[in-house]
Amino acid sequence: MSTEYGWTVTPITADVLRGFLDLEPTARGLLPHRLPAWARRQIPDEQLTLAEAQPSGVRLVFRTRATAVELDTLPTKRAYQGFPAPADGVYDLRVDGRLAGQATVPGGNVRVITDMITQTSELHEGPAGTARFTDLPAHDKHIEIWLPHTEITELIALRTNAPVAPASDGGRRVWLHHGSSISHGSNAAHPTAVWPALAAALGDVELVNLGFGGSALLDPFTARAMRDTPADLISVKIGINIVNTDAMRLRAFGPAVHGFLDTLREGHPTTPLLVVSPVWCPVQEDTPGPLMPDFSDGTLKFKATGDPAERAAGRLTLTVIREELARIVTQRAAEDPNLHYLDGRDLYGEKDYDEFPLPDEVHPDPDGHRRIGENFARLAFGEGGPFTADNA
């Protein structure tokens, strides 16, 4: 711990945290979760267990005159057997809404994925560390510390060289979003550069990001968690994980979408609700899953391995998913005027792919995240969009 400052230690509680659904007490501190405990008990695989505990969109928020801030954490990083260790996750510090500093926490635990198909893993324990921010302006200011979106982060201690006070949300609306690894932040450079975080900043809303890598599968427990979460705006990005896991056929998909939306409406009967179909992804547009890793050129890419001819028998592709989602939303919107549809290709389409190709054929790069976030903000929060203040 640094010794050149007179530190004030502030307990880390729900009062200084946003973007989480549950806080799990640990031997050292608190572990933020993006699904409640009852839902976690229903998770069927390690993929979602790891994803929901990675705090994409979770941040500490407070006011202070401090010029120095330290946050002790125990990160759990994810690595793949046989590949170089990933770079340390980034902590973003925002001062009065603007990015003002970044830090990392070396060390920590490392969970090594030994099988990419089954997500079998081994945990190697390591030490806690500290994210440090110094030379901050001395005036009273609004501080946000966004946690790494790809690292499970156990929160241990918050120190500042001036007292901390609760921060108001400024009356901003709460946007609750659910999606896949792209919403979670795969390939984004840092936590406030994940596309939902970018869109939330542009739309001036408070984000609760339930983007779960590989796990946007219309799970009933996710729908119930969203049903029970206060929100002014809701969006669900549906489809790509269902195709790339080959999780269901068309016969099951339609009723599953209806059931998911029915559950959301139990808790949010008139909240603006936006259904978003998949963004452009050439390998899965017309080829069913399952998706498999491909190392043929020496780098990790993904390819769809299904037979396009089986679409006639109900196998799902992104093209089929978009058609079905548009049909379902049109049907339901006749009695639900607050239900809306957005074609994911309007967020990232063929022309965007030509400009910012998908590095692994599935996930956008940082420029792709920026494009998606800007397009979402324009189409959802902009004039005439379903999330304008007039529609809330």
Protein backbone atom coordinates (compact mmCIF):
# COMPACT_ATOMS: atom_id res chain seq x y z
CA MET A 1 0.00 0.00 0.00
CA SER A 2 1.22 3.53 -0.77
CA THR A 3 2.32 5.57 2.26
CA GLU A 4 2.64 9.15 0.90
CA TYR A 5 -1.05 9.95 1.39
CA GLY A 6 -3.25 10.22 4.44
CA TRP A 7 -5.76 7.58 3.52
CA THR A 8 -9.46 7.38 4.22
CA VAL A 9 -10.80 3.83 3.98
CA THR A 10 -14.40 3.63 2.73
CA PRO A 11 -16.33 0.36 3.10
CA ILE A 12 -17.29 -1.09 -0.27
CA THR A 13 -21.05 -1.58 -0.11
CA ALA A 14 -23.99 -1.48 -2.49
CA ASP A 15 -24.14 2.30 -1.94
CA VAL A 16 -20.97 2.84 -3.98
CA LEU A 17 -21.60 0.19 -6.64
CA ARG A 18 -23.73 0.16 -9.80
CA GLY A 19 -24.39 -2.32 -12.59
CA PHE A 20 -24.62 -5.45 -10.40
CA LEU A 21 -27.52 -7.70 -9.40
CA ASP A 22 -25.94 -9.38 -6.38
CA LEU A 23 -22.98 -9.00 -4.01
CA GLU A 24 -21.43 -12.16 -2.58
CA PRO A 25 -19.50 -11.74 0.69
CA THR A 26 -16.07 -13.43 0.56
CA ALA A 27 -13.28 -14.00 3.06
CA ARG A 28 -11.59 -10.79 1.80
CA GLY A 29 -14.45 -8.57 0.68
CA LEU A 30 -17.22 -8.65 -1.93
CA LEU A 31 -17.66 -10.35 -5.29
CA PRO A 32 -20.09 -8.58 -7.66
CA HIS A 33 -22.39 -10.81 -9.69
CA ARG A 34 -24.60 -10.01 -12.67
CA LEU A 35 -27.13 -12.71 -11.79
CA PRO A 36 -28.75 -13.20 -8.36
CA ALA A 37 -27.82 -16.18 -6.19
CA TRP A 38 -31.04 -18.10 -6.89
CA ALA A 39 -30.40 -17.81 -10.64
CA ARG A 40 -26.78 -18.89 -10.29
CA ARG A 41 -27.95 -22.11 -8.67
CA GLN A 42 -29.78 -22.92 -11.92
CA ILE A 43 -26.82 -22.30 -14.25
CA PRO A 44 -26.09 -25.56 -16.11
CA ASP A 45 -22.48 -24.94 -17.22
CA GLU A 46 -19.19 -23.32 -16.29
CA GLN A 47 -19.37 -20.98 -19.29
CA LEU A 48 -22.15 -18.86 -17.79
CA THR A 49 -20.84 -19.32 -14.24
CA LEU A 50 -17.64 -17.56 -15.29
CA ALA A 51 -19.31 -15.01 -17.57
CA GLU A 52 -21.85 -13.64 -15.10
CA ALA A 53 -19.12 -13.13 -12.49
CA GLN A 54 -17.04 -11.04 -14.89
CA PRO A 55 -18.20 -7.52 -14.02
CA SER A 56 -18.89 -6.00 -17.43
CA GLY A 57 -20.54 -2.66 -16.72
CA VAL A 58 -20.04 -2.86 -12.94
CA ARG A 59 -18.47 0.25 -11.45
CA LEU A 60 -17.78 2.05 -8.20
CA VAL A 61 -19.40 5.50 -8.12
CA PHE A 62 -18.85 8.24 -5.53
CA ARG A 63 -18.01 11.91 -5.00
CA THR A 64 -14.76 13.12 -3.46
CA ARG A 65 -12.08 15.82 -3.49
CA ALA A 66 -9.40 13.12 -3.39
CA THR A 67 -6.39 13.47 -5.66
CA ALA A 68 -5.42 9.82 -5.14
CA VAL A 69 -7.53 6.66 -5.17
CA GLU A 70 -6.51 3.05 -4.54
CA LEU A 71 -8.66 -0.01 -5.02
CA ASP A 72 -7.47 -3.38 -3.70
CA THR A 73 -8.83 -6.35 -5.62
CA LEU A 74 -8.23 -10.02 -6.23
CA PRO A 75 -8.70 -10.61 -9.96
CA THR A 76 -9.36 -14.00 -11.52
CA LYS A 77 -8.09 -13.98 -15.07
CA ARG A 78 -8.92 -16.41 -17.83
CA ALA A 79 -6.30 -18.05 -20.00
CA TYR A 80 -6.39 -20.83 -22.58
CA GLN A 81 -4.06 -23.81 -22.31
CA GLY A 82 -1.34 -23.63 -24.93
CA PHE A 83 -1.82 -19.90 -25.60
CA PRO A 84 0.06 -16.88 -24.19
CA ALA A 85 -1.36 -15.36 -21.02
CA PRO A 86 -3.81 -12.55 -21.73
CA ALA A 87 -3.02 -8.94 -20.95
CA ASP A 88 -4.11 -7.74 -17.51
CA GLY A 89 -7.63 -6.36 -17.42
CA VAL A 90 -8.07 -2.59 -17.41
CA TYR A 91 -9.73 -0.44 -14.72
CA ASP A 92 -11.17 2.75 -16.20
CA LEU A 93 -11.37 5.87 -14.02
CA ARG A 94 -13.89 8.47 -15.17
CA VAL A 95 -13.97 11.96 -13.64
CA ASP A 96 -17.18 13.90 -14.23
CA GLY A 97 -18.07 11.58 -17.10
CA ARG A 98 -14.71 11.64 -18.88
CA LEU A 99 -12.01 8.97 -18.98
CA ALA A 100 -9.22 10.32 -16.78
CA GLY A 101 -7.05 7.32 -15.97
CA GLN A 102 -6.48 3.61 -16.39
CA ALA A 103 -4.80 0.99 -14.24
CA THR A 104 -4.23 -2.76 -14.05
CA VAL A 105 -3.79 -5.24 -11.22
CA PRO A 106 -1.00 -7.73 -11.98
CA GLY A 107 -1.06 -11.20 -10.48
CA GLY A 108 -4.22 -12.65 -9.03
CA ASN A 109 -5.81 -15.99 -9.78
CA VAL A 110 -5.66 -17.54 -13.23
CA ARG A 111 -8.33 -19.92 -14.47
CA VAL A 112 -6.86 -21.95 -17.32
CA ILE A 113 -9.40 -23.27 -19.84
CA THR A 114 -8.15 -26.73 -20.75
CA ASP A 115 -10.90 -27.55 -23.26
CA MET A 116 -12.47 -24.79 -25.37
CA ILE A 117 -15.44 -26.95 -26.31
CA THR A 118 -16.51 -28.00 -22.81
CA GLN A 119 -14.93 -24.97 -21.05
CA THR A 120 -13.30 -27.33 -18.53
CA SER A 121 -10.81 -25.34 -16.45
CA GLU A 122 -8.22 -25.39 -13.68
CA LEU A 123 -7.78 -22.60 -11.10
CA HIS A 124 -4.27 -21.42 -10.13
CA GLU A 125 -4.39 -19.10 -7.11
CA GLY A 126 -2.38 -15.88 -6.84
CA PRO A 127 -2.08 -12.69 -4.76
CA ALA A 128 -4.33 -9.66 -4.55
CA GLY A 129 -3.15 -6.30 -5.92
CA THR A 130 -3.97 -2.62 -6.19
CA ALA A 131 -5.29 -0.36 -8.94
CA ARG A 132 -3.86 3.13 -8.31
CA PHE A 133 -4.93 6.51 -9.65
CA THR A 134 -3.06 9.69 -8.71
CA ASP A 135 -2.77 13.37 -9.71
CA LEU A 136 -6.53 13.79 -9.90
CA PRO A 137 -8.02 17.32 -9.78
CA ALA A 138 -8.56 18.52 -6.22
CA HIS A 139 -12.09 19.88 -6.65
CA ASP A 140 -15.25 18.00 -5.68
CA LYS A 141 -15.94 15.55 -8.50
CA HIS A 142 -17.96 12.55 -9.64
CA ILE A 143 -15.74 9.44 -9.76
CA GLU A 144 -16.48 6.16 -11.52
CA ILE A 145 -14.14 3.16 -11.49
CA TRP A 146 -15.25 0.64 -14.12
CA LEU A 147 -14.04 -2.87 -13.35
CA PRO A 148 -12.35 -5.06 -15.99
CA HIS A 149 -15.03 -6.62 -18.17
CA THR A 150 -13.06 -9.83 -18.69
CA GLU A 151 -11.80 -10.51 -15.15
CA ILE A 152 -13.74 -11.78 -12.15
CA THR A 153 -12.96 -9.08 -9.60
CA GLU A 154 -13.18 -9.54 -5.84
CA LEU A 155 -13.35 -6.11 -4.19
CA ILE A 156 -11.26 -5.79 -1.02
CA ALA A 157 -10.65 -2.15 -0.05
CA LEU A 158 -11.19 1.41 -1.30
CA ARG A 159 -8.78 4.12 -0.15
CA THR A 160 -8.82 7.83 -0.93
CA ASN A 161 -6.87 10.79 0.42
CA ALA A 162 -10.12 12.68 1.11
CA PRO A 163 -13.53 11.56 2.34
CA VAL A 164 -16.01 9.88 0.01
CA ALA A 165 -19.71 10.76 -0.30
CA PRO A 166 -22.54 9.00 -2.14
CA ALA A 167 -23.11 10.12 -5.74
CA SER A 168 -26.47 10.91 -7.24
CA ASP A 169 -27.51 9.26 -10.49
CA GLY A 170 -28.63 12.67 -11.70
CA GLY A 171 -32.09 11.34 -12.46
CA ARG A 172 -30.77 9.30 -15.37
CA ARG A 173 -32.89 6.43 -16.60
CA VAL A 174 -31.73 2.84 -16.02
CA TRP A 175 -31.10 0.78 -19.17
CA LEU A 176 -31.15 -2.98 -18.64
CA HIS A 177 -29.53 -4.88 -21.52
CA HIS A 178 -29.05 -8.60 -22.20
CA GLY A 179 -26.92 -10.06 -24.95
CA SER A 180 -24.04 -12.33 -25.95
CA SER A 181 -20.24 -12.04 -25.83
CA ILE A 182 -20.33 -8.96 -28.06
CA SER A 183 -22.49 -7.20 -25.46
CA HIS A 184 -20.24 -8.64 -22.73
CA GLY A 185 -17.26 -6.99 -24.43
CA SER A 186 -15.21 -9.59 -26.32
CA ASN A 187 -12.25 -7.85 -28.01
CA ALA A 188 -13.14 -4.43 -26.52
CA ALA A 189 -10.01 -2.61 -25.38
CA HIS A 190 -11.26 -1.53 -21.95
CA PRO A 191 -14.50 -1.57 -19.93
CA THR A 192 -15.95 1.80 -21.02
CA ALA A 193 -15.22 0.85 -24.65
CA VAL A 194 -17.65 -2.11 -24.60
CA TRP A 195 -20.44 -1.13 -26.99
CA PRO A 196 -23.26 -0.99 -24.38
CA ALA A 197 -21.07 1.26 -22.20
CA LEU A 198 -20.41 3.54 -25.18
CA ALA A 199 -24.11 3.66 -26.06
CA ALA A 200 -25.08 4.34 -22.43
CA ALA A 201 -22.69 7.29 -22.26
CA LEU A 202 -24.08 8.72 -25.50
CA GLY A 203 -27.66 8.14 -24.31
CA ASP A 204 -26.96 9.55 -20.81
CA VAL A 205 -28.40 6.51 -19.03
CA GLU A 206 -27.33 4.19 -16.21
CA LEU A 207 -26.30 0.81 -17.63
CA VAL A 208 -26.98 -2.63 -16.21
CA ASN A 209 -25.20 -4.93 -18.65
CA LEU A 210 -26.30 -8.57 -18.69
CA GLY A 211 -24.18 -9.45 -21.70
CA PHE A 212 -22.93 -12.98 -21.05
CA GLY A 213 -20.25 -14.47 -23.28
CA GLY A 214 -21.61 -17.57 -25.04
CA SER A 215 -24.72 -17.55 -22.87
CA ALA A 216 -27.54 -15.47 -24.39
CA LEU A 217 -29.67 -18.58 -24.76
CA LEU A 218 -33.14 -17.43 -23.68
CA ASP A 219 -32.58 -19.00 -20.27
CA PRO A 220 -35.73 -18.64 -18.12
CA PHE A 221 -33.70 -17.70 -15.04
CA THR A 222 -32.16 -14.76 -16.93
CA ALA A 223 -35.64 -13.59 -17.94
CA ARG A 224 -36.83 -13.82 -14.34
CA ALA A 225 -33.77 -11.91 -13.10
CA MET A 226 -34.52 -9.15 -15.61
CA ARG A 227 -38.20 -9.21 -14.67
CA ASP A 228 -37.25 -8.47 -11.06
CA THR A 229 -34.65 -5.76 -11.83
CA PRO A 230 -35.82 -2.12 -11.78
CA ALA A 231 -35.39 -0.56 -15.21
CA ASP A 232 -36.70 2.29 -17.33
CA LEU A 233 -35.53 0.81 -20.63
CA ILE A 234 -34.88 -2.81 -21.63
CA SER A 235 -33.19 -4.39 -24.63
CA VAL A 236 -32.54 -8.03 -25.45
CA LYS A 237 -30.13 -9.02 -28.20
CA ILE A 238 -31.11 -12.52 -29.26
CA GLY A 239 -29.83 -15.11 -31.65
CA ILE A 240 -26.16 -15.62 -32.25
CA ASN A 241 -25.49 -17.88 -29.27
CA ILE A 242 -28.53 -19.98 -30.12
CA VAL A 243 -27.09 -20.53 -33.61
CA ASN A 244 -23.48 -21.06 -32.65
CA THR A 245 -24.31 -23.56 -29.91
CA ASP A 246 -26.93 -25.25 -32.13
CA ALA A 247 -29.12 -25.06 -29.02
CA MET A 248 -32.57 -25.40 -30.59
CA ARG A 249 -34.57 -25.67 -33.78
CA LEU A 250 -37.08 -23.23 -35.22
CA ARG A 251 -39.99 -25.09 -33.57
CA ALA A 252 -38.54 -24.44 -30.11
CA PHE A 253 -37.08 -21.00 -30.83
CA GLY A 254 -40.33 -19.11 -31.43
CA PRO A 255 -42.08 -20.25 -28.24
CA ALA A 256 -38.85 -19.65 -26.27
CA VAL A 257 -38.76 -16.04 -27.46
CA HIS A 258 -42.42 -15.58 -26.56
CA GLY A 259 -41.80 -17.07 -23.12
CA PHE A 260 -38.79 -14.82 -22.49
CA LEU A 261 -40.77 -11.71 -23.48
CA ASP A 262 -43.81 -12.84 -21.47
CA THR A 263 -41.63 -13.10 -18.38
CA LEU A 264 -40.12 -9.65 -18.92
CA ARG A 265 -43.60 -8.19 -19.27
CA GLU A 266 -44.67 -9.71 -15.94
CA GLY A 267 -42.37 -7.24 -14.20
CA HIS A 268 -42.22 -4.47 -16.78
CA PRO A 269 -45.62 -4.38 -18.48
CA THR A 270 -45.21 -1.01 -20.24
CA THR A 271 -41.44 -0.38 -20.19
CA PRO A 272 -39.94 0.35 -23.63
CA LEU A 273 -38.60 -3.05 -24.73
CA LEU A 274 -36.32 -3.39 -27.74
CA VAL A 275 -35.63 -6.77 -29.37
CA VAL A 276 -32.38 -6.71 -31.32
CA SER A 277 -31.44 -9.38 -33.84
CA PRO A 278 -27.83 -10.48 -34.56
CA VAL A 279 -25.26 -8.24 -36.18
CA TRP A 280 -23.71 -9.28 -39.49
CA CYS A 281 -21.54 -12.40 -39.14
CA PRO A 282 -20.71 -14.05 -42.49
CA VAL A 283 -19.78 -17.47 -41.14
CA GLN A 284 -23.24 -17.91 -39.63
CA GLU A 285 -25.55 -15.95 -41.92
CA ASP A 286 -26.70 -19.06 -43.81
CA THR A 287 -24.78 -21.89 -42.16
CA PRO A 288 -26.09 -23.52 -38.96
CA GLY A 289 -23.92 -24.26 -35.95
CA PRO A 290 -22.35 -25.55 -33.95
CA LEU A 291 -19.49 -23.07 -34.08
CA MET A 292 -16.04 -24.56 -33.68
CA PRO A 293 -12.56 -23.04 -33.19
CA ASP A 294 -10.34 -23.02 -36.27
CA PHE A 295 -6.56 -22.72 -35.97
CA SER A 296 -5.74 -23.55 -39.58
CA ASP A 297 -3.96 -20.23 -40.22
CA GLY A 298 -2.20 -20.17 -36.84
CA THR A 299 -4.66 -17.79 -35.17
CA LEU A 300 -7.96 -18.41 -33.42
CA LYS A 301 -10.93 -18.05 -35.71
CA PHE A 302 -14.35 -19.66 -35.63
CA LYS A 303 -16.28 -21.51 -38.28
CA ALA A 304 -19.83 -22.84 -38.48
CA THR A 305 -19.95 -26.58 -39.03
CA GLY A 306 -23.63 -27.26 -39.76
CA ASP A 307 -25.16 -28.19 -43.10
CA PRO A 308 -27.00 -25.30 -44.82
CA ALA A 309 -29.32 -27.83 -46.45
CA GLU A 310 -30.80 -28.63 -43.04
CA ARG A 311 -32.39 -25.20 -42.74
CA ALA A 312 -35.44 -26.73 -44.36
CA ALA A 313 -35.69 -29.08 -41.37
CA GLY A 314 -35.60 -26.25 -38.85
CA ARG A 315 -31.88 -25.73 -38.28
CA LEU A 316 -31.26 -22.11 -37.34
CA THR A 317 -29.05 -19.53 -39.03
CA LEU A 318 -28.78 -15.81 -38.44
CA THR A 319 -30.97 -15.16 -41.46
CA VAL A 320 -33.70 -17.43 -40.08
CA ILE A 321 -33.37 -15.87 -36.61
CA ARG A 322 -33.85 -12.34 -37.93
CA GLU A 323 -36.94 -13.32 -39.92
CA GLU A 324 -38.51 -15.05 -36.92
CA LEU A 325 -37.73 -12.23 -34.48
CA ALA A 326 -39.19 -9.63 -36.85
CA ARG A 327 -42.33 -11.76 -37.22
CA ILE A 328 -42.74 -12.26 -33.48
CA VAL A 329 -42.25 -8.60 -32.60
CA THR A 330 -44.65 -7.47 -35.34
CA GLN A 331 -47.27 -9.89 -34.05
CA ARG A 332 -46.89 -8.89 -30.40
CA ALA A 333 -46.56 -5.16 -31.06
CA ALA A 334 -50.17 -5.10 -32.28
CA GLU A 335 -51.14 -5.36 -28.59
CA ASP A 336 -47.89 -4.05 -27.05
CA PRO A 337 -47.08 -0.58 -28.42
CA ASN A 338 -43.95 -0.35 -26.26
CA LEU A 339 -42.34 -3.36 -27.94
CA HIS A 340 -39.88 -2.58 -30.74
CA TYR A 341 -37.54 -4.41 -33.14
CA LEU A 342 -34.07 -3.45 -34.37
CA ASP A 343 -32.28 -5.39 -37.10
CA GLY A 344 -28.75 -6.03 -35.84
CA ARG A 345 -27.36 -5.35 -39.31
CA ASP A 346 -28.28 -1.69 -38.75
CA LEU A 347 -25.76 -1.74 -35.90
CA TYR A 348 -23.06 -3.64 -37.81
CA GLY A 349 -23.74 -4.75 -41.36
CA GLU A 350 -21.91 -5.82 -44.49
CA LYS A 351 -20.37 -2.39 -45.10
CA ASP A 352 -19.20 -2.22 -41.48
CA TYR A 353 -17.63 -5.67 -41.88
CA ASP A 354 -15.73 -4.43 -44.93
CA GLU A 355 -14.44 -1.47 -42.91
CA PHE A 356 -13.88 -3.24 -39.58
CA PRO A 357 -13.63 -7.03 -40.19
CA LEU A 358 -14.29 -9.45 -37.35
CA PRO A 359 -10.79 -10.60 -36.27
CA ASP A 360 -11.95 -14.09 -35.31
CA GLU A 361 -14.96 -14.05 -37.70
CA VAL A 362 -17.40 -13.62 -34.79
CA HIS A 363 -16.38 -10.77 -32.45
CA PRO A 364 -15.80 -7.12 -33.44
CA ASP A 365 -12.56 -5.30 -32.73
CA PRO A 366 -12.48 -2.03 -30.71
CA ASP A 367 -13.46 -0.01 -33.79
CA GLY A 368 -16.36 -2.40 -34.35
CA HIS A 369 -17.53 -1.90 -30.76
CA ARG A 370 -17.43 1.85 -31.31
CA ARG A 371 -19.46 1.55 -34.49
CA ILE A 372 -22.11 -0.63 -32.81
CA GLY A 373 -22.33 1.66 -29.77
CA GLU A 374 -22.68 4.80 -31.88
CA ASN A 375 -25.29 3.23 -34.13
CA PHE A 376 -27.29 1.92 -31.17
CA ALA A 377 -27.24 5.32 -29.50
CA ARG A 378 -28.44 6.98 -32.71
CA LEU A 379 -31.19 4.43 -33.46
CA ALA A 380 -32.42 3.78 -29.90
CA PHE A 381 -31.79 7.03 -28.01
CA GLY A 382 -31.90 9.42 -30.96
CA GLU A 383 -34.87 11.26 -32.40
CA GLY A 384 -37.72 8.89 -33.15
CA GLY A 385 -36.01 5.98 -31.38
CA PRO A 386 -37.78 3.68 -28.89
CA PHE A 387 -35.62 4.94 -25.99
CA THR A 388 -36.17 8.67 -26.44
CA ALA A 389 -37.40 10.49 -23.35
CA ASP A 390 -40.84 10.87 -24.95
CA ASN A 391 -41.21 7.07 -25.09
CA ALA A 392 -39.99 6.34 -21.56
